[in-house]
C-alpha atoms as a PDB file:
ATOM      1  CA  MET A   1       0.000   0.000   0.000  1.00  0.00           C
ATOM      2  CA  LYS A   2       2.827   2.382   0.900  1.00  0.00           C
ATOM      3  CA  ALA A   3       4.439   1.794  -2.484  1.00  0.00           C
ATOM      4  CA  ILE A   4       1.209   2.755  -4.254  1.00  0.00           C
ATOM      5  CA  VAL A   5       0.817   5.911  -2.167  1.00  0.00           C
ATOM      6  CA  ASP A   6       4.447   6.891  -2.750  1.00  0.00           C
ATOM      7  CA  HIS A   7       3.986   6.336  -6.487  1.00  0.00           C
ATOM      8  CA  ILE A   8       0.940   8.620  -6.568  1.00  0.00           C
ATOM      9  CA  VAL A   9       2.628  11.290  -4.444  1.00  0.00           C
ATOM     10  CA  PHE A  10       5.694  11.134  -6.690  1.00  0.00           C
ATOM     11  CA  TRP A  11       3.739  11.835  -9.868  1.00  0.00           C
ATOM     12  CA  VAL A  12       1.701  14.596  -8.219  1.00  0.00           C
ATOM     13  CA  LEU A  13       4.848  16.256  -6.895  1.00  0.00           C
ATOM     14  CA  TYR A  14       6.748  15.747 -10.123  1.00  0.00           C
ATOM     15  CA  GLY A  15       3.789  17.066 -12.128  1.00  0.00           C
ATOM     16  CA  LEU A  16       3.751  20.264 -10.064  1.00  0.00           C
ATOM     17  CA  TRP A  17       7.534  20.561 -10.337  1.00  0.00           C
ATOM     18  CA  TYR A  18       7.436  20.017 -14.110  1.00  0.00           C
ATOM     19  CA  GLY A  19       4.560  22.454 -14.569  1.00  0.00           C
ATOM     20  CA  LEU A  20       6.461  25.126 -12.663  1.00  0.00           C
ATOM     21  CA  SER A  21       9.544  24.481 -14.786  1.00  0.00           C
ATOM     22  CA  LEU A  22       7.607  25.331 -17.963  1.00  0.00           C
ATOM     23  CA  LEU A  23       7.360  28.973 -16.896  1.00  0.00           C
ATOM     24  CA  PRO A  24       9.854  31.255 -18.683  1.00  0.00           C
ATOM     25  CA  LEU A  25      13.268  31.753 -17.128  1.00  0.00           C
ATOM     26  CA  TRP A  26      12.657  35.472 -16.561  1.00  0.00           C
ATOM     27  CA  PHE A  27       9.765  34.494 -14.293  1.00  0.00           C
ATOM     28  CA  HIS A  28      12.015  32.112 -12.344  1.00  0.00           C
ATOM     29  CA  TYR A  29      14.554  34.874 -11.812  1.00  0.00           C
ATOM     30  CA  LEU A  30      11.767  37.184 -10.635  1.00  0.00           C
ATOM     31  CA  MET A  31      10.881  34.499  -8.086  1.00  0.00           C
ATOM     32  CA  SER A  32      14.567  34.289  -7.169  1.00  0.00           C
ATOM     33  CA  ASP A  33      14.648  38.025  -6.451  1.00  0.00           C
ATOM     34  CA  ILE A  34      11.659  37.667  -4.140  1.00  0.00           C
ATOM     35  CA  LEU A  35      13.105  34.554  -2.551  1.00  0.00           C
ATOM     36  CA  TYR A  36      16.362  36.419  -1.894  1.00  0.00           C
ATOM     37  CA  VAL A  37      14.570  38.896   0.369  1.00  0.00           C
ATOM     38  CA  VAL A  38      13.023  36.053   2.364  1.00  0.00           C
ATOM     39  CA  VAL A  39      16.146  33.893   2.568  1.00  0.00           C
ATOM     40  CA  ALA A  40      18.703  36.648   3.202  1.00  0.00           C
ATOM     41  CA  HIS A  41      16.784  39.211   5.220  1.00  0.00           C
ATOM     42  CA  VAL A  42      13.839  37.429   6.850  1.00  0.00           C
ATOM     43  CA  LEU A  43      15.018  33.880   7.514  1.00  0.00           C
ATOM     44  CA  ARG A  44      18.748  34.746   7.340  1.00  0.00           C
ATOM     45  CA  TYR A  45      19.301  31.166   6.210  1.00  0.00           C
ATOM     46  CA  ARG A  46      22.395  29.664   7.868  1.00  0.00           C
ATOM     47  CA  HIS A  47      23.805  33.135   8.428  1.00  0.00           C
ATOM     48  CA  ARG A  48      26.057  32.034  11.288  1.00  0.00           C
ATOM     49  CA  VAL A  49      27.620  29.238   9.247  1.00  0.00           C
ATOM     50  CA  ILE A  50      28.085  31.460   6.194  1.00  0.00           C
ATOM     51  CA  TRP A  51      29.585  34.305   8.225  1.00  0.00           C
ATOM     52  CA  LYS A  52      31.941  31.988  10.111  1.00  0.00           C
ATOM     53  CA  ASN A  53      33.125  30.376   6.869  1.00  0.00           C
ATOM     54  CA  LEU A  54      33.705  33.710   5.134  1.00  0.00           C
ATOM     55  CA  SER A  55      35.450  35.201   8.170  1.00  0.00           C
ATOM     56  CA  ASN A  56      37.828  32.261   8.528  1.00  0.00           C
ATOM     57  CA  ALA A  57      38.499  31.958   4.803  1.00  0.00           C
ATOM     58  CA  TYR A  58      39.096  35.679   4.264  1.00  0.00           C
ATOM     59  CA  PRO A  59      40.355  37.235   7.521  1.00  0.00           C
ATOM     60  CA  ASP A  60      42.070  40.023   5.553  1.00  0.00           C
ATOM     61  CA  LYS A  61      38.812  41.241   4.034  1.00  0.00           C
ATOM     62  CA  SER A  62      36.914  43.975   5.833  1.00  0.00           C
ATOM     63  CA  GLU A  63      33.537  43.321   7.435  1.00  0.00           C
ATOM     64  CA  ALA A  64      31.902  45.356   4.681  1.00  0.00           C
ATOM     65  CA  GLU A  65      33.552  43.191   2.019  1.00  0.00           C
ATOM     66  CA  ARG A  66      32.420  40.003   3.691  1.00  0.00           C
ATOM     67  CA  LYS A  67      28.868  41.361   3.979  1.00  0.00           C
ATOM     68  CA  ARG A  68      28.879  42.082   0.244  1.00  0.00           C
ATOM     69  CA  LEU A  69      30.077  38.534  -0.409  1.00  0.00           C
ATOM     70  CA  GLU A  70      27.352  37.109   1.806  1.00  0.00           C
ATOM     71  CA  ARG A  71      24.629  39.081   0.030  1.00  0.00           C
ATOM     72  CA  ALA A  72      26.027  38.033  -3.367  1.00  0.00           C
ATOM     73  CA  PHE A  73      26.103  34.416  -2.211  1.00  0.00           C
ATOM     74  CA  TYR A  74      22.448  34.553  -1.138  1.00  0.00           C
ATOM     75  CA  ARG A  75      21.462  35.948  -4.539  1.00  0.00           C
ATOM     76  CA  HIS A  76      23.350  33.211  -6.342  1.00  0.00           C
ATOM     77  CA  PHE A  77      21.968  30.546  -4.004  1.00  0.00           C
ATOM     78  CA  CYS A  78      18.406  31.596  -4.843  1.00  0.00           C
ATOM     79  CA  ASP A  79      19.270  31.555  -8.546  1.00  0.00           C
ATOM     80  CA  ILE A  80      20.510  27.966  -8.201  1.00  0.00           C
ATOM     81  CA  LEU A  81      17.195  26.941  -6.640  1.00  0.00           C
ATOM     82  CA  VAL A  82      15.092  28.294  -9.496  1.00  0.00           C
ATOM     83  CA  GLU A  83      17.581  27.114 -12.130  1.00  0.00           C
ATOM     84  CA  THR A  84      17.295  23.597 -10.736  1.00  0.00           C
ATOM     85  CA  VAL A  85      13.524  23.732 -11.187  1.00  0.00           C
ATOM     86  CA  LYS A  86      13.891  25.079 -14.727  1.00  0.00           C
ATOM     87  CA  TYR A  87      16.294  22.275 -15.623  1.00  0.00           C
ATOM     88  CA  THR A  88      13.364  19.838 -15.501  1.00  0.00           C
ATOM     89  CA  SER A  89      12.069  21.002 -18.886  1.00  0.00           C
ATOM     90  CA  ILE A  90      14.670  23.340 -20.365  1.00  0.00           C
ATOM     91  CA  SER A  91      15.398  22.541 -24.019  1.00  0.00           C
ATOM     92  CA  ASP A  92      18.702  21.076 -25.168  1.00  0.00           C
ATOM     93  CA  LYS A  93      19.330  24.154 -27.298  1.00  0.00           C
ATOM     94  CA  ASN A  94      18.702  26.531 -24.405  1.00  0.00           C
ATOM     95  CA  ILE A  95      20.858  24.690 -21.862  1.00  0.00           C
ATOM     96  CA  MET A  96      23.700  24.443 -24.394  1.00  0.00           C
ATOM     97  CA  ARG A  97      23.566  28.220 -24.819  1.00  0.00           C
ATOM     98  CA  ARG A  98      23.696  28.705 -21.069  1.00  0.00           C
ATOM     99  CA  VAL A  99      26.323  26.125 -20.103  1.00  0.00           C
ATOM    100  CA  THR A 100      29.294  25.836 -22.437  1.00  0.00           C
ATOM    101  CA  PHE A 101      32.284  23.509 -22.169  1.00  0.00           C
ATOM    102  CA  LYS A 102      35.861  24.018 -23.288  1.00  0.00           C
ATOM    103  CA  GLY A 103      38.158  21.090 -23.990  1.00  0.00           C
ATOM    104  CA  THR A 104      35.480  18.475 -24.683  1.00  0.00           C
ATOM    105  CA  GLU A 105      37.543  17.153 -27.608  1.00  0.00           C
ATOM    106  CA  ARG A 106      40.377  16.154 -25.261  1.00  0.00           C
ATOM    107  CA  VAL A 107      37.959  14.348 -22.929  1.00  0.00           C
ATOM    108  CA  ALA A 108      36.358  12.580 -25.890  1.00  0.00           C
ATOM    109  CA  GLU A 109      39.807  11.408 -27.050  1.00  0.00           C
ATOM    110  CA  ILE A 110      40.462   9.877 -23.629  1.00  0.00           C
ATOM    111  CA  LEU A 111      37.144   8.037 -23.610  1.00  0.00           C
ATOM    112  CA  ASP A 112      37.563   6.826 -27.206  1.00  0.00           C
ATOM    113  CA  SER A 113      40.956   5.414 -26.235  1.00  0.00           C
ATOM    114  CA  GLY A 114      39.126   3.169 -23.747  1.00  0.00           C
ATOM    115  CA  GLN A 115      40.303   4.954 -20.599  1.00  0.00           C
ATOM    116  CA  SER A 116      37.689   6.041 -18.066  1.00  0.00           C
ATOM    117  CA  VAL A 117      37.485   9.575 -16.694  1.00  0.00           C
ATOM    118  CA  ALA A 118      36.988  10.791 -13.132  1.00  0.00           C
ATOM    119  CA  LEU A 119      35.443  14.245 -13.441  1.00  0.00           C
ATOM    120  CA  LEU A 120      36.230  16.368 -10.370  1.00  0.00           C
ATOM    121  CA  LEU A 121      34.135  19.406  -9.518  1.00  0.00           C
ATOM    122  CA  GLY A 122      32.798  21.251  -6.508  1.00  0.00           C
ATOM    123  CA  HIS A 123      29.697  23.021  -5.248  1.00  0.00           C
ATOM    124  CA  TYR A 124      30.513  26.004  -7.400  1.00  0.00           C
ATOM    125  CA  GLY A 125      28.467  27.823 -10.013  1.00  0.00           C
ATOM    126  CA  ASN A 126      25.549  25.548 -10.869  1.00  0.00           C
ATOM    127  CA  TRP A 127      26.754  21.983 -10.413  1.00  0.00           C
ATOM    128  CA  GLU A 128      23.308  20.611 -11.314  1.00  0.00           C
ATOM    129  CA  TRP A 129      23.491  22.078 -14.819  1.00  0.00           C
ATOM    130  CA  VAL A 130      26.918  20.495 -15.390  1.00  0.00           C
ATOM    131  CA  SER A 131      25.163  17.206 -16.157  1.00  0.00           C
ATOM    132  CA  SER A 132      24.233  18.794 -19.511  1.00  0.00           C
ATOM    133  CA  LEU A 133      27.795  17.843 -20.488  1.00  0.00           C
ATOM    134  CA  VAL A 134      26.210  14.740 -22.020  1.00  0.00           C
ATOM    135  CA  LEU A 135      24.843  16.906 -24.847  1.00  0.00           C
ATOM    136  CA  TRP A 136      28.329  18.186 -25.686  1.00  0.00           C
ATOM    137  CA  LEU A 137      30.189  14.893 -25.479  1.00  0.00           C
ATOM    138  CA  ARG A 138      27.912  12.472 -27.304  1.00  0.00           C
ATOM    139  CA  PRO A 139      28.358  13.960 -30.813  1.00  0.00           C
ATOM    140  CA  LEU A 140      32.157  13.737 -30.419  1.00  0.00           C
ATOM    141  CA  LEU A 141      32.388  10.125 -29.250  1.00  0.00           C
ATOM    142  CA  LYS A 142      33.023   7.137 -31.471  1.00  0.00           C
ATOM    143  CA  ASN A 143      31.903   4.738 -28.771  1.00  0.00           C
ATOM    144  CA  GLN A 144      29.172   5.154 -26.165  1.00  0.00           C
ATOM    145  CA  PRO A 145      30.676   5.231 -22.674  1.00  0.00           C
ATOM    146  CA  ALA A 146      28.595   5.137 -19.523  1.00  0.00           C
ATOM    147  CA  MET A 147      28.078   8.623 -18.088  1.00  0.00           C
ATOM    148  CA  GLY A 148      26.965   9.409 -14.587  1.00  0.00           C
ATOM    149  CA  GLN A 149      27.057  11.598 -11.510  1.00  0.00           C
ATOM    150  CA  ILE A 150      27.311  10.514  -7.883  1.00  0.00           C
ATOM    151  CA  TYR A 151      24.595  11.537  -5.455  1.00  0.00           C
ATOM    152  CA  HIS A 152      23.810  11.282  -1.766  1.00  0.00           C
ATOM    153  CA  PRO A 153      20.266   9.894  -1.321  1.00  0.00           C
ATOM    154  CA  LEU A 154      17.841  12.257   0.429  1.00  0.00           C
ATOM    155  CA  GLU A 155      15.968  11.079   3.498  1.00  0.00           C
ATOM    156  CA  ASN A 156      12.567  11.528   1.848  1.00  0.00           C
ATOM    157  CA  GLU A 157      12.380   8.853  -0.840  1.00  0.00           C
ATOM    158  CA  VAL A 158       9.684  10.594  -2.892  1.00  0.00           C
ATOM    159  CA  VAL A 159      11.542  13.912  -3.018  1.00  0.00           C
ATOM    160  CA  ASN A 160      14.751  12.015  -3.728  1.00  0.00           C
ATOM    161  CA  ASN A 161      13.145  10.331  -6.757  1.00  0.00           C
ATOM    162  CA  VAL A 162      11.866  13.659  -8.090  1.00  0.00           C
ATOM    163  CA  VAL A 163      15.347  15.185  -7.860  1.00  0.00           C
ATOM    164  CA  LEU A 164      16.937  12.145  -9.514  1.00  0.00           C
ATOM    165  CA  LYS A 165      14.463  12.199 -12.401  1.00  0.00           C
ATOM    166  CA  THR A 166      15.366  15.828 -13.048  1.00  0.00           C
ATOM    167  CA  ARG A 167      19.106  15.313 -12.596  1.00  0.00           C
ATOM    168  CA  GLY A 168      19.255  12.400 -15.024  1.00  0.00           C
ATOM    169  CA  ARG A 169      16.996  13.812 -17.708  1.00  0.00           C
ATOM    170  CA  MET A 170      19.855  14.292 -20.190  1.00  0.00           C
ATOM    171  CA  GLY A 171      20.572  10.564 -20.127  1.00  0.00           C
ATOM    172  CA  SER A 172      23.340  10.212 -17.545  1.00  0.00           C
ATOM    173  CA  ASP A 173      23.117   7.704 -14.689  1.00  0.00           C
ATOM    174  CA  ASN A 174      22.511   8.723 -11.094  1.00  0.00           C
ATOM    175  CA  VAL A 175      24.972   6.674  -9.064  1.00  0.00           C
ATOM    176  CA  ALA A 176      24.475   6.385  -5.312  1.00  0.00           C
ATOM    177  CA  MET A 177      27.721   7.008  -3.451  1.00  0.00           C
ATOM    178  CA  LYS A 178      27.750   3.498  -1.956  1.00  0.00           C
ATOM    179  CA  GLU A 179      27.265   1.997  -5.425  1.00  0.00           C
ATOM    180  CA  THR A 180      30.129   3.883  -7.097  1.00  0.00           C
ATOM    181  CA  LEU A 181      32.663   1.065  -7.294  1.00  0.00           C
ATOM    182  CA  ARG A 182      30.023  -1.487  -8.299  1.00  0.00           C
ATOM    183  CA  TRP A 183      28.842   0.789 -11.147  1.00  0.00           C
ATOM    184  CA  LEU A 184      32.400   1.301 -12.361  1.00  0.00           C
ATOM    185  CA  ILE A 185      33.299  -2.391 -12.251  1.00  0.00           C
ATOM    186  CA  ALA A 186      30.052  -3.438 -13.965  1.00  0.00           C
ATOM    187  CA  ASN A 187      30.711  -1.089 -16.874  1.00  0.00           C
ATOM    188  CA  LYS A 188      34.362  -2.091 -17.063  1.00  0.00           C
ATOM    189  CA  SER A 189      33.349  -5.751 -17.247  1.00  0.00           C
ATOM    190  CA  ALA A 190      30.996  -4.864 -20.090  1.00  0.00           C
ATOM    191  CA  GLY A 191      33.849  -3.169 -21.962  1.00  0.00           C
ATOM    192  CA  ARG A 192      32.464   0.346 -21.540  1.00  0.00           C
ATOM    193  CA  PRO A 193      34.671   3.222 -20.404  1.00  0.00           C
ATOM    194  CA  THR A 194      33.002   5.575 -17.941  1.00  0.00           C
ATOM    195  CA  ILE A 195      32.911   9.265 -17.157  1.00  0.00           C
ATOM    196  CA  LEU A 196      31.677   9.901 -13.637  1.00  0.00           C
ATOM    197  CA  GLY A 197      31.292  13.245 -11.888  1.00  0.00           C
ATOM    198  CA  TYR A 198      32.518  13.537  -8.292  1.00  0.00           C
ATOM    199  CA  ILE A 199      31.862  16.501  -6.005  1.00  0.00           C
ATOM    200  CA  ASN A 200      34.706  16.293  -3.534  1.00  0.00           C
ATOM    201  CA  ASP A 201      34.481  19.485  -1.455  1.00  0.00           C
ATOM    202  CA  GLN A 202      32.199  18.057   1.239  1.00  0.00           C
ATOM    203  CA  VAL A 203      33.134  17.111   4.793  1.00  0.00           C
ATOM    204  CA  PRO A 204      33.916  13.419   5.446  1.00  0.00           C
ATOM    205  CA  THR A 205      32.640  11.500   8.450  1.00  0.00           C
ATOM    206  CA  TRP A 206      35.091  11.015  11.319  1.00  0.00           C
ATOM    207  CA  HIS A 207      35.941   7.450  10.282  1.00  0.00           C
ATOM    208  CA  ASN A 208      36.642   8.532   6.704  1.00  0.00           C
ATOM    209  CA  ILE A 209      39.256  11.125   7.609  1.00  0.00           C
ATOM    210  CA  HIS A 210      42.687  10.007   6.394  1.00  0.00           C
ATOM    211  CA  HIS A 211      44.164  13.258   5.175  1.00  0.00           C
ATOM    212  CA  TRP A 212      44.223  16.932   6.207  1.00  0.00           C
ATOM    213  CA  LEU A 213      45.277  19.936   4.168  1.00  0.00           C
ATOM    214  CA  THR A 214      45.016  23.713   4.182  1.00  0.00           C
ATOM    215  CA  PHE A 215      41.988  24.825   2.187  1.00  0.00           C
ATOM    216  CA  LEU A 216      40.668  28.384   2.204  1.00  0.00           C
ATOM    217  CA  ASN A 217      42.971  29.340   5.054  1.00  0.00           C
ATOM    218  CA  GLN A 218      41.811  26.494   7.325  1.00  0.00           C
ATOM    219  CA  GLU A 219      43.038  23.026   8.253  1.00  0.00           C
ATOM    220  CA  THR A 220      40.558  20.811   6.457  1.00  0.00           C
ATOM    221  CA  PRO A 221      39.730  17.080   6.500  1.00  0.00           C
ATOM    222  CA  VAL A 222      39.094  15.748   2.998  1.00  0.00           C
ATOM    223  CA  PHE A 223      37.770  12.668   1.217  1.00  0.00           C
ATOM    224  CA  THR A 224      40.476  10.450  -0.287  1.00  0.00           C
ATOM    225  CA  GLY A 225      38.266   7.667  -1.657  1.00  0.00           C
ATOM    226  CA  ILE A 226      38.129   9.232  -5.114  1.00  0.00           C
ATOM    227  CA  GLU A 227      41.908   9.150  -5.318  1.00  0.00           C
ATOM    228  CA  ARG A 228      41.927   5.456  -4.410  1.00  0.00           C
ATOM    229  CA  ILE A 229      39.341   4.713  -7.105  1.00  0.00           C
ATOM    230  CA  VAL A 230      41.276   6.665  -9.733  1.00  0.00           C
ATOM    231  CA  HIS A 231      44.455   4.741  -8.866  1.00  0.00           C
ATOM    232  CA  THR A 232      42.906   1.256  -8.750  1.00  0.00           C
ATOM    233  CA  GLN A 233      40.862   1.777 -11.933  1.00  0.00           C
ATOM    234  CA  ASN A 234      43.653   3.669 -13.764  1.00  0.00           C
ATOM    235  CA  GLN A 235      41.336   6.526 -14.684  1.00  0.00           C
ATOM    236  CA  ALA A 236      42.195   9.910 -16.106  1.00  0.00           C
ATOM    237  CA  ALA A 237      41.530  12.649 -13.538  1.00  0.00           C
ATOM    238  CA  VAL A 238      39.972  15.795 -15.011  1.00  0.00           C
ATOM    239  CA  TYR A 239      39.003  18.953 -13.139  1.00  0.00           C
ATOM    240  CA  ILE A 240      36.186  21.257 -14.250  1.00  0.00           C
ATOM    241  CA  ASP A 241      36.961  24.939 -13.764  1.00  0.00           C
ATOM    242  CA  VAL A 242      33.593  26.717 -13.682  1.00  0.00           C
ATOM    243  CA  LYS A 243      33.047  30.415 -14.332  1.00  0.00           C
ATOM    244  CA  ARG A 244      29.748  32.247 -13.956  1.00  0.00           C
ATOM    245  CA  ILE A 245      29.790  34.680 -16.868  1.00  0.00           C
ATOM    246  CA  GLY A 246      26.277  36.054 -16.351  1.00  0.00           C
ATOM    247  CA  ARG A 247      22.981  35.258 -14.733  1.00  0.00           C
ATOM    248  CA  GLY A 248      22.103  31.730 -15.803  1.00  0.00           C
ATOM    249  CA  ARG A 249      25.268  31.438 -17.906  1.00  0.00           C
ATOM    250  CA  TYR A 250      28.283  29.302 -17.055  1.00  0.00           C
ATOM    251  CA  GLU A 251      31.513  28.429 -18.798  1.00  0.00           C
ATOM    252  CA  CYS A 252      33.196  25.125 -17.865  1.00  0.00           C
ATOM    253  CA  GLU A 253      36.765  24.310 -18.842  1.00  0.00           C
ATOM    254  CA  PHE A 254      38.236  20.813 -18.597  1.00  0.00           C
ATOM    255  CA  GLN A 255      41.689  20.687 -17.053  1.00  0.00           C
ATOM    256  CA  ILE A 256      43.409  17.312 -17.266  1.00  0.00           C
ATOM    257  CA  ILE A 257      45.249  16.619 -14.017  1.00  0.00           C
ATOM    258  CA  THR A 258      46.697  13.267 -15.085  1.00  0.00           C
ATOM    259  CA  ARG A 259      46.167  10.312 -17.367  1.00  0.00           C
ATOM    260  CA  GLU A 260      48.700   8.267 -15.405  1.00  0.00           C
ATOM    261  CA  PRO A 261      47.565   8.294 -11.759  1.00  0.00           C
ATOM    262  CA  SER A 262      50.188   5.684 -10.834  1.00  0.00           C
ATOM    263  CA  THR A 263      52.872   8.348 -11.320  1.00  0.00           C
ATOM    264  CA  MET A 264      51.363  10.556  -8.598  1.00  0.00           C
ATOM    265  CA  GLY A 265      52.312  10.268  -4.943  1.00  0.00           C
ATOM    266  CA  GLU A 266      49.941   9.507  -2.071  1.00  0.00           C
ATOM    267  CA  TYR A 267      47.334  12.258  -1.716  1.00  0.00           C
ATOM    268  CA  GLU A 268      48.932  14.256  -4.558  1.00  0.00           C
ATOM    269  CA  LEU A 269      45.772  14.024  -6.649  1.00  0.00           C
ATOM    270  CA  THR A 270      43.628  15.110  -3.708  1.00  0.00           C
ATOM    271  CA  ASP A 271      45.950  18.020  -2.932  1.00  0.00           C
ATOM    272  CA  THR A 272      45.919  19.088  -6.583  1.00  0.00           C
ATOM    273  CA  TYR A 273      42.122  19.017  -6.746  1.00  0.00           C
ATOM    274  CA  PHE A 274      41.749  21.214  -3.663  1.00  0.00           C
ATOM    275  CA  ALA A 275      44.374  23.652  -4.936  1.00  0.00           C
ATOM    276  CA  LEU A 276      42.445  23.991  -8.206  1.00  0.00           C
ATOM    277  CA  MET A 277      39.140  24.291  -6.347  1.00  0.00           C
ATOM    278  CA  GLU A 278      40.579  27.005  -4.108  1.00  0.00           C
ATOM    279  CA  ARG A 279      41.778  28.947  -7.151  1.00  0.00           C
ATOM    280  CA  THR A 280      38.304  28.734  -8.691  1.00  0.00           C
ATOM    281  CA  ILE A 281      36.638  29.927  -5.483  1.00  0.00           C
ATOM    282  CA  ASN A 282      39.060  32.791  -4.834  1.00  0.00           C
ATOM    283  CA  ARG A 283      38.426  34.161  -8.321  1.00  0.00           C
ATOM    284  CA  ALA A 284      34.752  34.800  -7.426  1.00  0.00           C
ATOM    285  CA  PRO A 285      33.942  33.525  -3.898  1.00  0.00           C
ATOM    286  CA  GLN A 286      30.225  34.323  -3.984  1.00  0.00           C
ATOM    287  CA  TYR A 287      29.495  31.376  -6.269  1.00  0.00           C
ATOM    288  CA  TRP A 288      30.649  28.657  -3.844  1.00  0.00           C
ATOM    289  CA  LEU A 289      28.293  26.939  -1.366  1.00  0.00           C
ATOM    290  CA  TRP A 290      29.238  28.841   1.803  1.00  0.00           C
ATOM    291  CA  SER A 291      26.133  27.634   3.662  1.00  0.00           C
ATOM    292  CA  HIS A 292      27.614  24.147   4.015  1.00  0.00           C
ATOM    293  CA  ASN A 293      29.142  23.577   7.472  1.00  0.00           C
ATOM    294  CA  ARG A 294      32.411  22.492   5.868  1.00  0.00           C
ATOM    295  CA  TRP A 295      34.696  22.876   8.880  1.00  0.00           C
ATOM    296  CA  LYS A 296      32.587  21.336  11.642  1.00  0.00           C
ATOM    297  CA  ARG A 297      35.254  18.667  12.285  1.00  0.00           C
ATOM    298  CA  THR A 298      38.538  19.947  13.646  1.00  0.00           C
ATOM    299  CA  ARG A 299      41.981  18.373  13.857  1.00  0.00           C
ATOM    300  CA  GLU A 300      42.035  18.997  17.604  1.00  0.00           C
ATOM    301  CA  GLU A 301      38.855  16.980  18.183  1.00  0.00           C
ATOM    302  CA  PHE A 302      40.009  14.252  15.795  1.00  0.00           C
ATOM    303  CA  ASP A 303      43.311  13.821  17.650  1.00  0.00           C
ATOM    304  CA  ARG A 304      41.491  13.765  20.969  1.00  0.00           C
ATOM    305  CA  ARG A 305      38.863  11.176  20.001  1.00  0.00           C
ATOM    306  CA  PHE A 306      40.439   8.992  17.306  1.00  0.00           C
ATOM    307  CA  LYS A 307      43.584   7.204  16.240  1.00  0.00           C
ATOM    308  CA  VAL A 308      44.693   5.423  13.080  1.00  0.00           C
ATOM    309  CA  VAL A 309      45.372   1.683  13.371  1.00  0.00           C
ATOM    310  CA  ASN A 310      46.533  -0.228  10.270  1.00  0.00           C
ATOM    311  CA  GLY A 311      45.086   2.483   8.038  1.00  0.00           C
ATOM    312  CA  ARG A 312      41.701   2.508   9.786  1.00  0.00           C
ATOM    313  CA  VAL A 313      40.304   5.306  11.938  1.00  0.00           C
ATOM    314  CA  VAL A 314      39.130   3.943  15.293  1.00  0.00           C
ATOM    315  CA  GLU A 315      38.000   5.586  18.512  1.00  0.00           C
ATOM    316  CA  LYS A 316      40.489   5.801  21.338  1.00  0.00           C
END
């Protein structure tokens, strides 16, 4: 019975979401302007987290500068929300005018050679619209690799399914984080190279912390699982440098980090990714996701509560 109810609720919710997406983009941006007032000035959504992150990342900026960054972030954040809705029905032609990619030929050459690609990006610009890359790559490819993006399942299954249907509408696979290696191995066994998008600027759980680095002026724990996958699967590692060139317009440039991961030292790939991500953010900080509580786990607390035994993080 629950499955039937969830199915009905899904189609009702998706129908409303899709109907809203059919409205012109100028209307969505009008809604974003109204939403900005509510989010930034009424609710002050995650203001403490945003302010703490900006203050720690940019201690040399004045309070007035950080306030301008915060307001600009809120405006961009509201734009992302309405752009995500619009993505549900936006035409291929329109999305290709709004999100352009540089260096797709080099990525296509890697995939046509049979080597898989790990696509590294962050919560910068509009990461949801990056999945439109499928439209740019397919005409260039001689073979048909598997394309996908990793996601973290939402607690509400119905809402999660609505988001996934929108995110995968261009034809790429939605790969749950826990299923990443299985998806890669299955496609490799079938003789298909893969291109999989990883967002690696999130905070790991305590037991997944194996490496710390300085990121945005702060000691930061980072995920290293992507690096292990790239090494074991011998994938090319490619970073996407995103620029917001106007409202609803993004330019993405592929930067090949390595095609030979075995030549890189331990954590070198991870360090390189975060250095590139930091450069992207510092160029225009307002377009990064400052509302995420990125630095809630500190080195001091980690050293006090945990230790590493045979490569595993265990409680003391």
